[in-house]
Amino acid sequence: MAISLVIIPTYNERENIERMVRKVLSLEGNFHVLVVDDGSPDGTGEIVRNLQEEFQNELHLLERAGKMGLGTAYIAGFKWGLNKDYSYFFEMDADFSHNPDDLGRLLSACTQGGGDLSIGSRYVPGGDVKNWSFDRRFLSIGASVYVRMITGMPVKDPTAGFVCYSRAVLEALDLDGIEFVGYAFQIEMKFKSQLAGFRLVEVPITFVDREEGESKMSGSIINEAIFGVLRLKWDSFFK
């Protein structure tokens, strides 16, 4: 069994998924891939099923009936992997905004760098963002500052979605109690990991905005992140 499971949620990612799967499975480090597809009408799931004939032991597919949210996709992937005895679990986008070549660096930050959870960070020295407008960059940085102020987390990129979790973190958290499904999910997972006493480390990455497919950002996701952070902090006083 491979030590690491890369979980890739998908919805209409036919332009990217085969290239991403082949890239991850070509890397050193014995990574396996689990695609969690939310009933993509563009045939993403079918592409993955066809690839499984070539990568029978390394590529896995979890198909769901429809769009149920990013957070629930990762929770489903975590539970699937915990039942398969993987030791490290990665969150990664399908659209190459996260560079697969950085997977090894995130893993090393946990296996050799003392982290229980490692974060691919845009906002530590050496990190960067490409192909974003000034407005979007300003909004993202502002959101990160807002989250740090409210939660007190010493994480420069708390909304980051390129993350490596050790098995111990996921076993310690109440995965069924994770409330948020959009970008607030990323904040909630990091915040609750810190509250549980785990060490979070950041690894500089360059985030490149997607070139193929459509963004999944929506107003409801942004609202969830803004007001969800306040609720997370409030609830932490009583738990």
Protein backbone atom coordinates (compact mmCIF):
# COMPACT_ATOMS: atom_id res chain seq x y z
CA MET A 1 0.00 0.00 0.00
CA ALA A 2 1.23 3.47 -0.87
CA ILE A 3 1.94 5.80 2.02
CA SER A 4 0.14 8.79 0.47
CA LEU A 5 -3.31 9.40 -1.00
CA VAL A 6 -3.95 12.46 -3.18
CA ILE A 7 -7.64 13.34 -3.05
CA ILE A 8 -8.90 15.31 -6.05
CA PRO A 9 -12.54 16.49 -6.02
CA THR A 10 -13.99 17.02 -9.49
CA TYR A 11 -17.00 18.54 -11.18
CA ASN A 12 -16.70 19.03 -14.94
CA GLU A 13 -12.91 18.64 -15.14
CA ARG A 14 -12.61 16.61 -18.34
CA GLU A 15 -10.09 19.11 -19.72
CA ASN A 16 -7.69 18.49 -16.84
CA ILE A 17 -8.27 15.19 -15.09
CA GLU A 18 -6.35 12.76 -17.31
CA ARG A 19 -3.30 15.00 -17.46
CA MET A 20 -3.42 15.52 -13.69
CA VAL A 21 -3.78 11.81 -12.90
CA ARG A 22 -0.90 10.86 -15.18
CA LYS A 23 1.31 13.56 -13.70
CA VAL A 24 0.68 12.60 -10.06
CA LEU A 25 1.14 8.90 -10.71
CA SER A 26 4.44 9.57 -12.51
CA LEU A 27 5.99 11.22 -9.45
CA GLU A 28 8.49 9.58 -7.14
CA GLY A 29 7.12 8.82 -3.71
CA ASN A 30 4.50 6.19 -4.52
CA PHE A 31 1.46 8.46 -4.49
CA HIS A 32 -2.01 7.04 -5.12
CA VAL A 33 -4.94 9.11 -6.40
CA LEU A 34 -8.57 9.15 -5.32
CA VAL A 35 -10.88 11.17 -7.56
CA VAL A 36 -14.13 12.18 -5.85
CA ASP A 37 -16.47 13.07 -8.70
CA ASP A 38 -19.81 14.74 -8.03
CA GLY A 39 -21.70 13.34 -11.00
CA SER A 40 -19.94 15.49 -13.61
CA PRO A 41 -22.19 15.70 -16.69
CA ASP A 42 -19.14 16.29 -18.90
CA GLY A 43 -17.90 12.72 -18.45
CA THR A 44 -15.08 13.30 -15.98
CA GLY A 45 -15.96 10.10 -14.14
CA GLU A 46 -15.91 8.07 -17.33
CA ILE A 47 -12.42 9.34 -18.15
CA VAL A 48 -11.22 8.23 -14.72
CA ARG A 49 -12.86 4.79 -15.09
CA ASN A 50 -11.05 4.31 -18.38
CA LEU A 51 -7.74 5.30 -16.78
CA GLN A 52 -8.29 2.74 -14.02
CA GLU A 53 -7.74 0.00 -16.60
CA GLU A 54 -4.18 1.31 -16.92
CA PHE A 55 -3.64 2.20 -13.24
CA GLN A 56 -5.55 -0.58 -11.53
CA ASN A 57 -3.96 -0.30 -8.09
CA GLU A 58 -2.93 3.37 -8.02
CA LEU A 59 -6.08 5.18 -9.22
CA HIS A 60 -9.39 5.08 -7.37
CA LEU A 61 -12.77 6.68 -8.05
CA LEU A 62 -15.52 7.65 -5.65
CA GLU A 63 -18.63 8.74 -7.57
CA ARG A 64 -21.41 10.74 -5.94
CA ALA A 65 -24.87 11.58 -7.24
CA GLY A 66 -24.37 15.34 -7.64
CA LYS A 67 -22.72 18.51 -6.36
CA MET A 68 -22.50 18.22 -2.58
CA GLY A 69 -19.72 20.70 -1.83
CA LEU A 70 -15.95 20.68 -1.67
CA GLY A 71 -15.81 19.96 2.03
CA THR A 72 -18.03 16.88 1.88
CA ALA A 73 -15.94 15.57 -1.03
CA TYR A 74 -12.77 15.77 1.03
CA ILE A 75 -14.44 14.26 4.10
CA ALA A 76 -15.63 11.34 1.97
CA GLY A 77 -12.10 10.96 0.61
CA PHE A 78 -10.54 11.10 4.07
CA LYS A 79 -12.87 8.38 5.36
CA TRP A 80 -12.21 6.21 2.31
CA GLY A 81 -8.45 6.52 2.79
CA LEU A 82 -8.55 5.94 6.54
CA ASN A 83 -10.24 2.63 5.85
CA LYS A 84 -7.40 1.75 3.44
CA ASP A 85 -4.58 2.46 5.90
CA TYR A 86 -2.92 5.39 4.11
CA SER A 87 -0.61 7.47 6.30
CA TYR A 88 -0.75 10.87 4.55
CA PHE A 89 -3.67 12.55 2.82
CA PHE A 90 -3.48 15.42 0.34
CA GLU A 91 -6.05 17.94 -0.80
CA MET A 92 -5.38 19.16 -4.33
CA ASP A 93 -7.31 20.84 -7.14
CA ALA A 94 -7.72 19.13 -10.50
CA ASP A 95 -7.02 22.23 -12.59
CA PHE A 96 -3.22 22.54 -12.09
CA SER A 97 -3.57 25.66 -9.95
CA HIS A 98 -1.67 23.44 -7.50
CA ASN A 99 1.56 22.13 -8.98
CA PRO A 100 1.83 18.34 -8.51
CA ASP A 101 5.60 18.70 -8.30
CA ASP A 102 5.06 20.32 -4.88
CA LEU A 103 3.49 17.17 -3.41
CA GLY A 104 6.89 15.84 -2.37
CA ARG A 105 7.74 19.08 -0.56
CA LEU A 106 4.47 19.01 1.37
CA LEU A 107 5.08 15.39 2.32
CA SER A 108 8.64 16.13 3.46
CA ALA A 109 7.36 18.97 5.66
CA CYS A 110 5.43 16.32 7.60
CA THR A 111 7.78 13.34 7.44
CA GLN A 112 11.01 15.30 7.99
CA GLY A 113 10.01 18.85 8.95
CA GLY A 114 8.04 18.10 12.07
CA GLY A 115 4.63 19.08 10.76
CA ASP A 116 1.43 17.22 11.50
CA LEU A 117 -0.26 19.21 8.75
CA SER A 118 1.55 21.04 5.94
CA ILE A 119 0.04 23.86 3.91
CA GLY A 120 0.99 24.95 0.41
CA SER A 121 1.13 28.67 1.11
CA ARG A 122 0.92 31.60 -1.29
CA TYR A 123 1.74 34.19 1.37
CA VAL A 124 4.95 33.08 3.02
CA PRO A 125 8.36 34.12 1.62
CA GLY A 126 8.85 32.31 -1.68
CA GLY A 127 5.12 31.88 -2.29
CA ASP A 128 3.33 33.61 -5.16
CA VAL A 129 0.13 33.84 -7.21
CA LYS A 130 0.00 34.04 -11.01
CA ASN A 131 -2.74 35.09 -13.44
CA TRP A 132 -4.83 36.87 -10.82
CA SER A 133 -6.19 40.39 -11.17
CA PHE A 134 -5.23 42.99 -8.58
CA ASP A 135 -8.78 42.90 -7.16
CA ARG A 136 -8.74 39.15 -6.65
CA ARG A 137 -5.28 39.19 -5.09
CA PHE A 138 -6.31 42.01 -2.76
CA LEU A 139 -9.46 40.12 -1.73
CA SER A 140 -7.51 36.93 -1.03
CA ILE A 141 -4.85 38.65 1.05
CA GLY A 142 -7.53 40.59 2.91
CA ALA A 143 -9.40 37.36 3.66
CA SER A 144 -6.24 35.79 5.05
CA VAL A 145 -5.60 38.76 7.33
CA TYR A 146 -9.24 38.69 8.47
CA VAL A 147 -9.07 34.99 9.33
CA ARG A 148 -5.83 35.40 11.28
CA MET A 149 -7.25 38.32 13.23
CA ILE A 150 -10.44 36.47 14.19
CA THR A 151 -9.02 33.01 14.86
CA GLY A 152 -5.53 33.85 16.09
CA MET A 153 -4.05 31.17 13.83
CA PRO A 154 -0.39 31.87 12.96
CA VAL A 155 -1.02 30.70 9.39
CA LYS A 156 -0.36 33.18 6.59
CA ASP A 157 -2.60 31.36 4.08
CA PRO A 158 -5.51 29.90 6.09
CA THR A 159 -7.78 29.52 3.05
CA ALA A 160 -5.20 27.44 1.14
CA GLY A 161 -6.55 24.28 -0.45
CA PHE A 162 -3.25 22.48 -1.12
CA VAL A 163 -2.70 20.58 2.12
CA CYS A 164 -1.11 17.42 3.50
CA TYR A 165 -2.61 15.83 6.62
CA SER A 166 -0.96 13.12 8.65
CA ARG A 167 -3.21 10.23 9.58
CA ALA A 168 -3.04 11.23 13.25
CA VAL A 169 -4.73 14.57 12.53
CA LEU A 170 -7.66 13.06 10.65
CA GLU A 171 -8.14 10.35 13.25
CA ALA A 172 -8.22 12.95 16.03
CA LEU A 173 -10.75 15.28 14.38
CA ASP A 174 -14.48 14.65 14.39
CA LEU A 175 -14.88 14.53 10.62
CA ASP A 176 -18.64 14.21 10.90
CA GLY A 177 -18.64 17.41 12.94
CA ILE A 178 -16.97 19.50 10.22
CA GLU A 179 -19.67 22.00 9.35
CA PHE A 180 -18.61 24.00 6.32
CA VAL A 181 -18.50 22.87 2.69
CA GLY A 182 -16.90 25.75 0.76
CA TYR A 183 -13.72 27.72 1.40
CA ALA A 184 -14.63 27.97 5.08
CA PHE A 185 -14.02 24.21 5.16
CA GLN A 186 -10.31 24.87 4.63
CA ILE A 187 -10.27 27.34 7.51
CA GLU A 188 -12.26 25.05 9.80
CA MET A 189 -9.97 22.07 9.24
CA LYS A 190 -6.85 24.11 10.02
CA PHE A 191 -8.41 25.84 13.01
CA LYS A 192 -9.66 22.62 14.59
CA SER A 193 -6.32 20.92 13.92
CA GLN A 194 -4.55 23.70 15.81
CA LEU A 195 -7.07 23.53 18.68
CA ALA A 196 -6.36 19.80 18.90
CA GLY A 197 -2.68 20.57 19.49
CA PHE A 198 -1.23 19.65 16.10
CA ARG A 199 1.64 21.53 14.47
CA LEU A 200 0.84 23.37 11.25
CA VAL A 201 3.71 24.29 8.90
CA GLU A 202 3.61 26.30 5.69
CA VAL A 203 5.50 25.48 2.50
CA PRO A 204 5.84 28.20 -0.17
CA ILE A 205 4.12 27.43 -3.45
CA THR A 206 3.17 29.32 -6.59
CA PHE A 207 -0.58 29.20 -7.20
CA VAL A 208 -1.47 29.47 -10.89
CA ASP A 209 -5.07 30.29 -11.79
CA ARG A 210 -6.81 27.64 -13.87
CA GLU A 211 -6.37 27.69 -17.64
CA GLU A 212 -9.01 25.06 -18.51
CA GLY A 213 -12.56 24.69 -17.18
CA GLU A 214 -14.62 27.06 -15.04
CA SER A 215 -14.07 28.40 -11.54
CA LYS A 216 -16.32 26.99 -8.78
CA MET A 217 -16.33 30.28 -6.78
CA SER A 218 -19.74 31.65 -5.81
CA GLY A 219 -21.26 34.31 -3.58
CA SER A 220 -22.56 31.74 -1.11
CA ILE A 221 -19.06 30.31 -0.70
CA ILE A 222 -17.67 33.77 0.08
CA ASN A 223 -20.44 34.49 2.59
CA GLU A 224 -19.81 31.15 4.28
CA ALA A 225 -16.16 32.02 4.71
CA ILE A 226 -16.83 35.50 6.12
CA PHE A 227 -19.48 34.56 8.65
CA GLY A 228 -18.25 31.02 9.23
CA VAL A 229 -14.98 32.30 10.71
CA LEU A 230 -16.86 34.28 13.33
CA ARG A 231 -18.89 31.22 14.25
CA LEU A 232 -15.80 29.02 14.47
CA LYS A 233 -14.15 31.39 16.91
CA TRP A 234 -17.33 31.81 18.98
CA ASP A 235 -17.89 28.06 19.18
CA SER A 236 -14.29 27.50 20.26
CA PHE A 237 -14.99 29.29 23.52
CA PHE A 238 -17.49 26.59 24.49
CA LYS A 239 -15.84 23.42 23.20
